[in-house]
């Protein structure tokens, strides 16, 4: 059986895991890499998101 991860270069996942976008990092860890909500990386990313300033639409 072919897995989705077999279709991509490892660098694609590394890019999604960069610290510069904690939301993308969180969802990559949780949804693509199937890490548990109690995993220390998932918890850390979620904490960073919850402590980040709210971004508002300035249109």
C-alpha atoms as a PDB file:
ATOM      1  CA  UNK A   1       0.000   0.000   0.000  1.00  0.00           C
ATOM      2  CA  UNK A   2       1.337   3.420  -0.965  1.00  0.00           C
ATOM      3  CA  UNK A   3       1.467   6.004   1.813  1.00  0.00           C
ATOM      4  CA  UNK A   4       1.106   9.741   1.197  1.00  0.00           C
ATOM      5  CA  UNK A   5       4.577  10.285   2.655  1.00  0.00           C
ATOM      6  CA  UNK A   6       6.093   8.096  -0.062  1.00  0.00           C
ATOM      7  CA  UNK A   7       5.016  10.684  -2.636  1.00  0.00           C
ATOM      8  CA  UNK A   8       6.951  13.615  -1.189  1.00  0.00           C
ATOM      9  CA  UNK A   9      10.523  14.499  -0.590  1.00  0.00           C
ATOM     10  CA  UNK A  10      11.515  14.618   3.059  1.00  0.00           C
ATOM     11  CA  UNK A  11      12.337  18.307   2.640  1.00  0.00           C
ATOM     12  CA  UNK A  12       8.640  19.082   2.136  1.00  0.00           C
ATOM     13  CA  UNK A  13       7.794  17.828   5.609  1.00  0.00           C
ATOM     14  CA  UNK A  14      10.825  19.568   7.057  1.00  0.00           C
ATOM     15  CA  UNK A  15       9.578  22.809   5.536  1.00  0.00           C
ATOM     16  CA  UNK A  16       6.136  22.306   7.120  1.00  0.00           C
ATOM     17  CA  UNK A  17       7.797  21.699  10.489  1.00  0.00           C
ATOM     18  CA  UNK A  18       9.705  24.981  10.559  1.00  0.00           C
ATOM     19  CA  UNK A  19       9.297  27.005  13.738  1.00  0.00           C
ATOM     20  CA  UNK A  20       8.341  30.147  11.794  1.00  0.00           C
ATOM     21  CA  UNK A  21       4.697  29.055  11.456  1.00  0.00           C
ATOM     22  CA  UNK A  22       3.541  27.267  14.594  1.00  0.00           C
ATOM     23  CA  UNK A  23       0.040  26.613  13.249  1.00  0.00           C
ATOM     24  CA  UNK A  24       1.356  24.772  10.205  1.00  0.00           C
ATOM     25  CA  UNK A  25       3.844  22.945  12.431  1.00  0.00           C
ATOM     26  CA  UNK A  26       1.081  21.877  14.816  1.00  0.00           C
ATOM     27  CA  UNK A  27      -1.208  20.521  12.087  1.00  0.00           C
ATOM     28  CA  UNK A  28       1.701  18.799  10.342  1.00  0.00           C
ATOM     29  CA  UNK A  29       2.720  17.049  13.528  1.00  0.00           C
ATOM     30  CA  UNK A  30      -0.825  16.083  14.416  1.00  0.00           C
ATOM     31  CA  UNK A  31      -2.481  15.346  11.084  1.00  0.00           C
ATOM     32  CA  UNK A  32       0.322  14.337   8.736  1.00  0.00           C
ATOM     33  CA  UNK A  33       2.721  12.672  11.137  1.00  0.00           C
ATOM     34  CA  UNK A  34      -0.062  11.313  13.374  1.00  0.00           C
ATOM     35  CA  UNK A  35       1.561  12.475  16.591  1.00  0.00           C
ATOM     36  CA  UNK A  36      -0.602  12.274  19.681  1.00  0.00           C
ATOM     37  CA  UNK A  37      -1.945  15.431  21.324  1.00  0.00           C
ATOM     38  CA  UNK A  38       0.276  14.618  24.319  1.00  0.00           C
ATOM     39  CA  UNK A  39       3.475  14.517  22.251  1.00  0.00           C
ATOM     40  CA  UNK A  40       5.883  17.168  23.527  1.00  0.00           C
ATOM     41  CA  UNK A  41       6.315  18.768  20.082  1.00  0.00           C
ATOM     42  CA  UNK A  42       2.548  18.951  19.560  1.00  0.00           C
ATOM     43  CA  UNK A  43       2.027  20.427  23.019  1.00  0.00           C
ATOM     44  CA  UNK A  44       4.804  22.961  22.469  1.00  0.00           C
ATOM     45  CA  UNK A  45       3.415  24.070  19.098  1.00  0.00           C
ATOM     46  CA  UNK A  46      -0.105  24.358  20.517  1.00  0.00           C
ATOM     47  CA  UNK A  47       1.186  26.451  23.429  1.00  0.00           C
ATOM     48  CA  UNK A  48       3.013  28.790  21.061  1.00  0.00           C
ATOM     49  CA  UNK A  49      -0.166  29.238  19.012  1.00  0.00           C
ATOM     50  CA  UNK A  50      -2.288  29.929  22.075  1.00  0.00           C
ATOM     51  CA  UNK A  51       0.173  32.541  23.335  1.00  0.00           C
ATOM     52  CA  UNK A  52       0.647  34.290  19.980  1.00  0.00           C
ATOM     53  CA  UNK A  53      -1.006  37.634  19.304  1.00  0.00           C
ATOM     54  CA  UNK A  54      -4.290  37.493  17.436  1.00  0.00           C
ATOM     55  CA  UNK A  55      -4.012  38.426  13.780  1.00  0.00           C
ATOM     56  CA  UNK A  56      -6.881  40.569  12.552  1.00  0.00           C
ATOM     57  CA  UNK A  57      -7.967  41.437   9.076  1.00  0.00           C
ATOM     58  CA  UNK A  58      -7.053  45.062   8.358  1.00  0.00           C
ATOM     59  CA  UNK A  59      -9.043  45.454   5.161  1.00  0.00           C
END
